[in-house]
C-alpha atoms as a PDB file:
ATOM      1  CA  MET A   1     110.695 192.306  -9.050  1.00  0.00           C
ATOM      2  CA  LEU A   2     107.733 190.364  -9.789  1.00  0.00           C
ATOM      3  CA  ASP A   3     104.296 190.288  -8.170  1.00  0.00           C
ATOM      4  CA  THR A   4     103.264 186.662  -7.568  1.00  0.00           C
ATOM      5  CA  SER A   5     100.577 188.061  -4.833  1.00  0.00           C
ATOM      6  CA  ARG A   6      97.184 186.331  -5.813  1.00  0.00           C
ATOM      7  CA  GLU A   7      94.102 188.727  -4.425  1.00  0.00           C
ATOM      8  CA  PRO A   8      91.398 185.970  -2.626  1.00  0.00           C
ATOM      9  CA  VAL A   9      88.684 184.385  -4.556  1.00  0.00           C
ATOM     10  CA  PRO A  10      85.296 185.776  -3.856  1.00  0.00           C
ATOM     11  CA  ALA A  11      82.900 182.701  -2.546  1.00  0.00           C
ATOM     12  CA  ALA A  12      80.389 182.097  -4.697  1.00  0.00           C
ATOM     13  CA  PRO A  13      77.032 183.181  -3.849  1.00  0.00           C
ATOM     14  CA  ASP A  14      75.371 179.856  -4.386  1.00  0.00           C
ATOM     15  CA  ALA A  15      77.891 178.548  -1.519  1.00  0.00           C
ATOM     16  CA  ALA A  16      75.865 177.269   1.371  1.00  0.00           C
ATOM     17  CA  GLY A  17      77.445 177.645   4.846  1.00  0.00           C
ATOM     18  CA  PRO A  18      80.817 178.134   5.856  1.00  0.00           C
ATOM     19  CA  VAL A  19      83.856 176.896   3.144  1.00  0.00           C
ATOM     20  CA  ASP A  20      86.656 175.698   5.011  1.00  0.00           C
ATOM     21  CA  MET A  21      89.887 177.416   3.049  1.00  0.00           C
ATOM     22  CA  PRO A  22      92.880 175.502   1.943  1.00  0.00           C
ATOM     23  CA  ALA A  23      95.831 176.012   3.647  1.00  0.00           C
ATOM     24  CA  GLU A  24      98.307 178.639   2.278  1.00  0.00           C
ATOM     25  CA  ASP A  25      99.461 178.032  -0.997  1.00  0.00           C
ATOM     26  CA  THR A  26     102.966 176.685  -1.190  1.00  0.00           C
ATOM     27  CA  ARG A  27     105.242 176.995  -3.760  1.00  0.00           C
ATOM     28  CA  GLY A  28     107.758 174.156  -3.264  1.00  0.00           C
ATOM     29  CA  CYS A  29     111.525 173.662  -4.381  1.00  0.00           C
ATOM     30  CA  LEU A  30     111.447 174.452  -7.406  1.00  0.00           C
ATOM     31  CA  PHE A  31     110.052 177.638  -7.445  1.00  0.00           C
ATOM     32  CA  ALA A  32     112.986 178.531  -4.472  1.00  0.00           C
ATOM     33  CA  LEU A  33     115.552 177.054  -6.508  1.00  0.00           C
ATOM     34  CA  SER A  34     114.107 179.505  -9.656  1.00  0.00           C
ATOM     35  CA  GLN A  35     115.028 182.944  -7.426  1.00  0.00           C
ATOM     36  CA  PRO A  36     118.427 184.523  -9.149  1.00  0.00           C
ATOM     37  CA  PRO A  37     119.574 185.658  -5.416  1.00  0.00           C
ATOM     38  CA  LEU A  38     120.185 181.941  -4.313  1.00  0.00           C
ATOM     39  CA  MET A  39     120.783 180.743  -7.981  1.00  0.00           C
ATOM     40  CA  ILE A  40     123.992 182.905  -7.563  1.00  0.00           C
ATOM     41  CA  PHE A  41     124.979 182.232  -4.258  1.00  0.00           C
ATOM     42  CA  LEU A  42     124.889 178.725  -5.454  1.00  0.00           C
ATOM     43  CA  ALA A  43     126.928 179.176  -8.261  1.00  0.00           C
ATOM     44  CA  VAL A  44     129.434 181.452  -6.361  1.00  0.00           C
ATOM     45  CA  ILE A  45     129.665 177.884  -3.631  1.00  0.00           C
ATOM     46  CA  GLY A  46     129.943 175.701  -6.942  1.00  0.00           C
ATOM     47  CA  CYS A  47     133.047 177.397  -8.139  1.00  0.00           C
ATOM     48  CA  LEU A  48     134.530 177.652  -4.817  1.00  0.00           C
ATOM     49  CA  LEU A  49     134.324 174.018  -4.600  1.00  0.00           C
ATOM     50  CA  LEU A  50     135.755 173.350  -8.248  1.00  0.00           C
ATOM     51  CA  THR A  51     138.278 175.744  -7.500  1.00  0.00           C
ATOM     52  CA  ALA A  52     139.490 173.882  -4.673  1.00  0.00           C
ATOM     53  CA  ALA A  53     139.203 170.735  -6.156  1.00  0.00           C
ATOM     54  CA  VAL A  54     141.453 171.644  -9.066  1.00  0.00           C
ATOM     55  CA  HIS A  55     143.605 173.021  -6.117  1.00  0.00           C
ATOM     56  CA  ASP A  56     143.828 169.607  -4.805  1.00  0.00           C
ATOM     57  CA  LEU A  57     144.577 167.776  -7.805  1.00  0.00           C
ATOM     58  CA  PHE A  58     146.684 169.805 -10.158  1.00  0.00           C
ATOM     59  CA  VAL A  59     148.594 171.785  -8.013  1.00  0.00           C
ATOM     60  CA  LEU A  60     148.764 169.407  -4.492  1.00  0.00           C
END
């Protein structure tokens, strides 16, 4: 699996006083949707829905 961890960046030596660290970096929805297990799961669910729709249209 691809290592996407980020090492903390050391503070600049000329920084005066404590610096507020930004909140945890959120990757967002597009990063979550790009994960292969989620894409496989969504593809399976989509195929099941498509199969049910085709069955309803042509068999029943």
